[in-house]
Amino acid sequence: MRVTVGAIEMPAARRAVVGYVMADQSIKPGQRFREAQSVLFGRAAPEWTVQDVFRGVDGVSYARIALISDPSYSKTLSTSVLSDRHRFVPGSVVGGERG
């Protein structure tokens, strides 16, 4: 069985994963994250801040994040990767809210 999500047709087995990604509205610009497992020379991994959240042409929700210590260094990840607490954890508290 195949399911159409937006303009993308995919196997029904992926519907649950796609539904999770599409329903993920919890990532917002300004939030901070750090990689969960990364420790560099005994120090915690650097923090990233969410610059933008958007839906790609593939129907997946993405977040553009920038390194806080050097905002010129950025990358784009799916919001499901950023939401995965095995990969990323909330960063420092900014403006009274947790990353």
Protein backbone atom coordinates (compact mmCIF):
# COMPACT_ATOMS: atom_id res chain seq x y z
CA MET A 1 0.00 0.00 0.00
CA ARG A 2 1.28 3.47 -0.88
CA VAL A 3 0.39 6.76 0.80
CA THR A 4 0.63 10.23 -0.72
CA VAL A 5 2.02 12.91 1.62
CA GLY A 6 1.79 16.29 -0.07
CA ALA A 7 3.09 15.58 -3.57
CA ILE A 8 5.26 12.68 -2.39
CA GLU A 9 4.09 9.09 -2.69
CA MET A 10 5.70 6.58 -0.31
CA PRO A 11 5.10 3.14 1.22
CA ALA A 12 2.50 3.05 3.99
CA ALA A 13 5.15 1.67 6.35
CA ARG A 14 6.80 5.11 6.38
CA ARG A 15 3.54 6.90 7.19
CA ALA A 16 4.19 6.84 10.95
CA VAL A 17 7.64 8.37 10.56
CA VAL A 18 6.41 11.01 8.15
CA GLY A 19 3.48 11.79 10.43
CA TYR A 20 5.86 12.35 13.34
CA VAL A 21 8.06 14.69 11.33
CA MET A 22 5.17 16.64 9.87
CA ALA A 23 3.50 16.99 13.26
CA ASP A 24 6.71 18.26 14.92
CA GLN A 25 5.99 21.92 15.63
CA SER A 26 8.06 22.14 18.82
CA ILE A 27 11.28 23.46 17.22
CA LYS A 28 11.26 27.26 17.00
CA PRO A 29 13.80 29.94 16.02
CA GLY A 30 15.93 31.06 18.96
CA GLN A 31 16.02 27.67 20.71
CA ARG A 32 19.46 26.35 21.63
CA PHE A 33 20.75 22.80 21.35
CA ARG A 34 23.98 20.87 21.79
CA GLU A 35 24.94 17.42 20.58
CA ALA A 36 24.07 14.89 23.28
CA GLN A 37 27.12 12.61 23.11
CA SER A 38 29.82 15.03 22.00
CA VAL A 39 32.59 15.97 24.36
CA LEU A 40 35.64 17.68 22.94
CA PHE A 41 38.82 17.54 25.06
CA GLY A 42 36.73 17.06 28.21
CA ARG A 43 34.46 20.01 27.41
CA ALA A 44 30.79 19.91 26.46
CA ALA A 45 29.89 20.21 22.80
CA PRO A 46 29.30 23.74 21.51
CA GLU A 47 25.78 25.15 21.41
CA TRP A 48 23.76 25.78 18.27
CA THR A 49 20.83 28.15 17.89
CA VAL A 50 17.88 27.62 15.58
CA GLN A 51 17.87 30.34 12.92
CA ASP A 52 14.92 29.19 10.83
CA VAL A 53 12.40 26.35 10.57
CA PHE A 54 10.93 25.46 7.18
CA ARG A 55 9.33 22.66 5.19
CA GLY A 56 11.42 21.33 2.31
CA VAL A 57 10.12 20.43 -1.13
CA ASP A 58 10.22 16.82 0.07
CA GLY A 59 7.59 17.64 2.72
CA VAL A 60 10.02 17.24 5.63
CA SER A 61 10.37 19.92 8.31
CA TYR A 62 13.92 21.27 8.61
CA ALA A 63 15.77 23.58 11.01
CA ARG A 64 18.71 25.76 9.99
CA ILE A 65 21.04 26.00 13.00
CA ALA A 66 24.10 28.18 13.55
CA LEU A 67 27.01 27.75 15.94
CA ILE A 68 26.62 30.29 18.75
CA SER A 69 30.37 30.93 19.00
CA ASP A 70 30.62 31.47 15.20
CA PRO A 71 27.25 32.15 13.53
CA SER A 72 28.88 32.01 10.08
CA TYR A 73 29.08 28.22 10.56
CA SER A 74 25.62 26.73 10.01
CA LYS A 75 23.95 23.52 8.94
CA THR A 76 20.48 22.25 8.14
CA LEU A 77 18.96 19.24 9.91
CA SER A 78 15.51 17.71 9.90
CA THR A 79 13.53 18.73 12.97
CA SER A 80 13.14 15.03 13.82
CA VAL A 81 16.94 14.75 14.18
CA LEU A 82 17.05 17.90 16.32
CA SER A 83 14.18 16.52 18.45
CA ASP A 84 15.93 13.17 19.00
CA ARG A 85 17.28 13.38 22.58
CA HIS A 86 19.86 10.69 21.77
CA ARG A 87 21.43 13.14 19.30
CA PHE A 88 20.67 16.65 20.61
CA VAL A 89 19.69 18.08 24.01
CA PRO A 90 18.36 21.53 24.89
CA GLY A 91 21.07 24.13 25.39
CA SER A 92 21.31 26.89 27.96
CA VAL A 93 18.30 28.82 29.16
CA VAL A 94 17.78 32.06 27.21
CA GLY A 95 15.14 34.61 28.15
CA GLY A 96 13.60 32.42 30.84
CA GLU A 97 12.84 29.48 28.53
CA ARG A 98 14.70 26.21 28.17
CA GLY A 99 16.26 25.63 24.69
